[in-house]
C-alpha atoms as a PDB file:
ATOM      1  CA  MET A   1     -25.351-173.881  10.545  1.00  0.00           C
ATOM      2  CA  ILE A   2     -22.666-172.538   8.039  1.00  0.00           C
ATOM      3  CA  HIS A   3     -19.097-173.357   8.754  1.00  0.00           C
ATOM      4  CA  ALA A   4     -15.954-172.367   6.622  1.00  0.00           C
ATOM      5  CA  HIS A   5     -14.610-175.906   5.944  1.00  0.00           C
ATOM      6  CA  GLN A   6     -17.712-176.674   3.596  1.00  0.00           C
ATOM      7  CA  PHE A   7     -16.725-173.721   1.345  1.00  0.00           C
ATOM      8  CA  LYS A   8     -14.427-175.040  -0.928  1.00  0.00           C
ATOM      9  CA  THR A   9     -12.538-173.643  -4.266  1.00  0.00           C
ATOM     10  CA  VAL A  10     -11.483-175.739  -7.350  1.00  0.00           C
ATOM     11  CA  ILE A  11     -10.271-173.694 -10.900  1.00  0.00           C
ATOM     12  CA  ILE A  12     -11.701-174.814 -14.044  1.00  0.00           C
ATOM     13  CA  ALA A  13     -10.023-172.884 -16.120  1.00  0.00           C
ATOM     14  CA  ARG A  14      -6.815-171.084 -16.938  1.00  0.00           C
ATOM     15  CA  ARG A  15      -6.403-168.241 -19.097  1.00  0.00           C
ATOM     16  CA  ALA A  16      -8.869-168.403 -22.109  1.00  0.00           C
ATOM     17  CA  ASN A  17      -9.753-172.252 -23.582  1.00  0.00           C
ATOM     18  CA  GLN A  18      -8.234-173.376 -21.115  1.00  0.00           C
ATOM     19  CA  THR A  19     -10.693-175.092 -19.289  1.00  0.00           C
ATOM     20  CA  ASP A  20      -9.293-178.510 -17.016  1.00  0.00           C
ATOM     21  CA  PRO A  21     -11.660-181.327 -18.343  1.00  0.00           C
ATOM     22  CA  GLU A  22     -11.410-183.384 -14.981  1.00  0.00           C
ATOM     23  CA  ALA A  23     -11.932-179.810 -12.913  1.00  0.00           C
ATOM     24  CA  LEU A  24     -15.679-179.685 -14.619  1.00  0.00           C
ATOM     25  CA  ALA A  25     -15.884-183.413 -14.669  1.00  0.00           C
ATOM     26  CA  GLN A  26     -15.864-184.024 -10.924  1.00  0.00           C
ATOM     27  CA  ILE A  27     -17.445-180.907 -11.007  1.00  0.00           C
ATOM     28  CA  LYS A  28     -20.776-181.847 -12.410  1.00  0.00           C
ATOM     29  CA  ASP A  29     -21.157-184.802 -11.026  1.00  0.00           C
ATOM     30  CA  LEU A  30     -21.411-183.337  -8.047  1.00  0.00           C
ATOM     31  CA  ILE A  31     -23.211-181.165  -9.236  1.00  0.00           C
ATOM     32  CA  ARG A  32     -25.773-183.323 -10.367  1.00  0.00           C
ATOM     33  CA  SER A  33     -25.760-185.903  -7.176  1.00  0.00           C
ATOM     34  CA  ASN A  34     -27.005-183.183  -5.272  1.00  0.00           C
ATOM     35  CA  GLN A  35     -23.460-183.204  -2.907  1.00  0.00           C
ATOM     36  CA  ILE A  36     -22.591-178.911  -3.284  1.00  0.00           C
ATOM     37  CA  LYS A  37     -24.420-175.705  -3.857  1.00  0.00           C
ATOM     38  CA  ILE A  38     -22.281-173.067  -6.528  1.00  0.00           C
ATOM     39  CA  VAL A  39     -22.052-170.029  -4.270  1.00  0.00           C
ATOM     40  CA  ASP A  40     -20.124-167.983  -6.836  1.00  0.00           C
ATOM     41  CA  VAL A  41     -17.977-167.923  -9.667  1.00  0.00           C
ATOM     42  CA  LYS A  42     -14.929-165.922  -9.631  1.00  0.00           C
ATOM     43  CA  ARG A  43     -13.596-164.743 -12.882  1.00  0.00           C
ATOM     44  CA  SER A  44     -10.244-162.585 -13.624  1.00  0.00           C
ATOM     45  CA  PRO A  45      -8.444-162.996 -17.228  1.00  0.00           C
ATOM     46  CA  GLU A  46      -5.857-165.372 -15.110  1.00  0.00           C
ATOM     47  CA  GLN A  47      -8.563-168.010 -14.036  1.00  0.00           C
ATOM     48  CA  ILE A  48     -12.220-169.023 -13.985  1.00  0.00           C
ATOM     49  CA  SER A  49     -13.076-170.468 -10.479  1.00  0.00           C
ATOM     50  CA  ILE A  50     -16.089-171.374  -8.861  1.00  0.00           C
ATOM     51  CA  VAL A  51     -16.811-171.231  -5.367  1.00  0.00           C
ATOM     52  CA  TYR A  52     -18.970-174.164  -4.107  1.00  0.00           C
ATOM     53  CA  ARG A  53     -20.531-175.472  -0.702  1.00  0.00           C
ATOM     54  CA  ILE A  54     -21.051-178.721   0.507  1.00  0.00           C
ATOM     55  CA  ILE A  55     -24.728-180.345   1.892  1.00  0.00           C
ATOM     56  CA  SER A  56     -24.454-182.254   4.067  1.00  0.00           C
END
């Protein structure tokens, strides 16, 4: 069963060309170690965010 608390959102960029390298590095590490699964990528003119699910 999947619970709502297993989903998290992280903002990886604010406005064009203003990425957060620390957030990107954290997400990359979690993906490489199979700890998360990306559920959605939300894009707007103000920011880009990633919604992911923690794999337990």
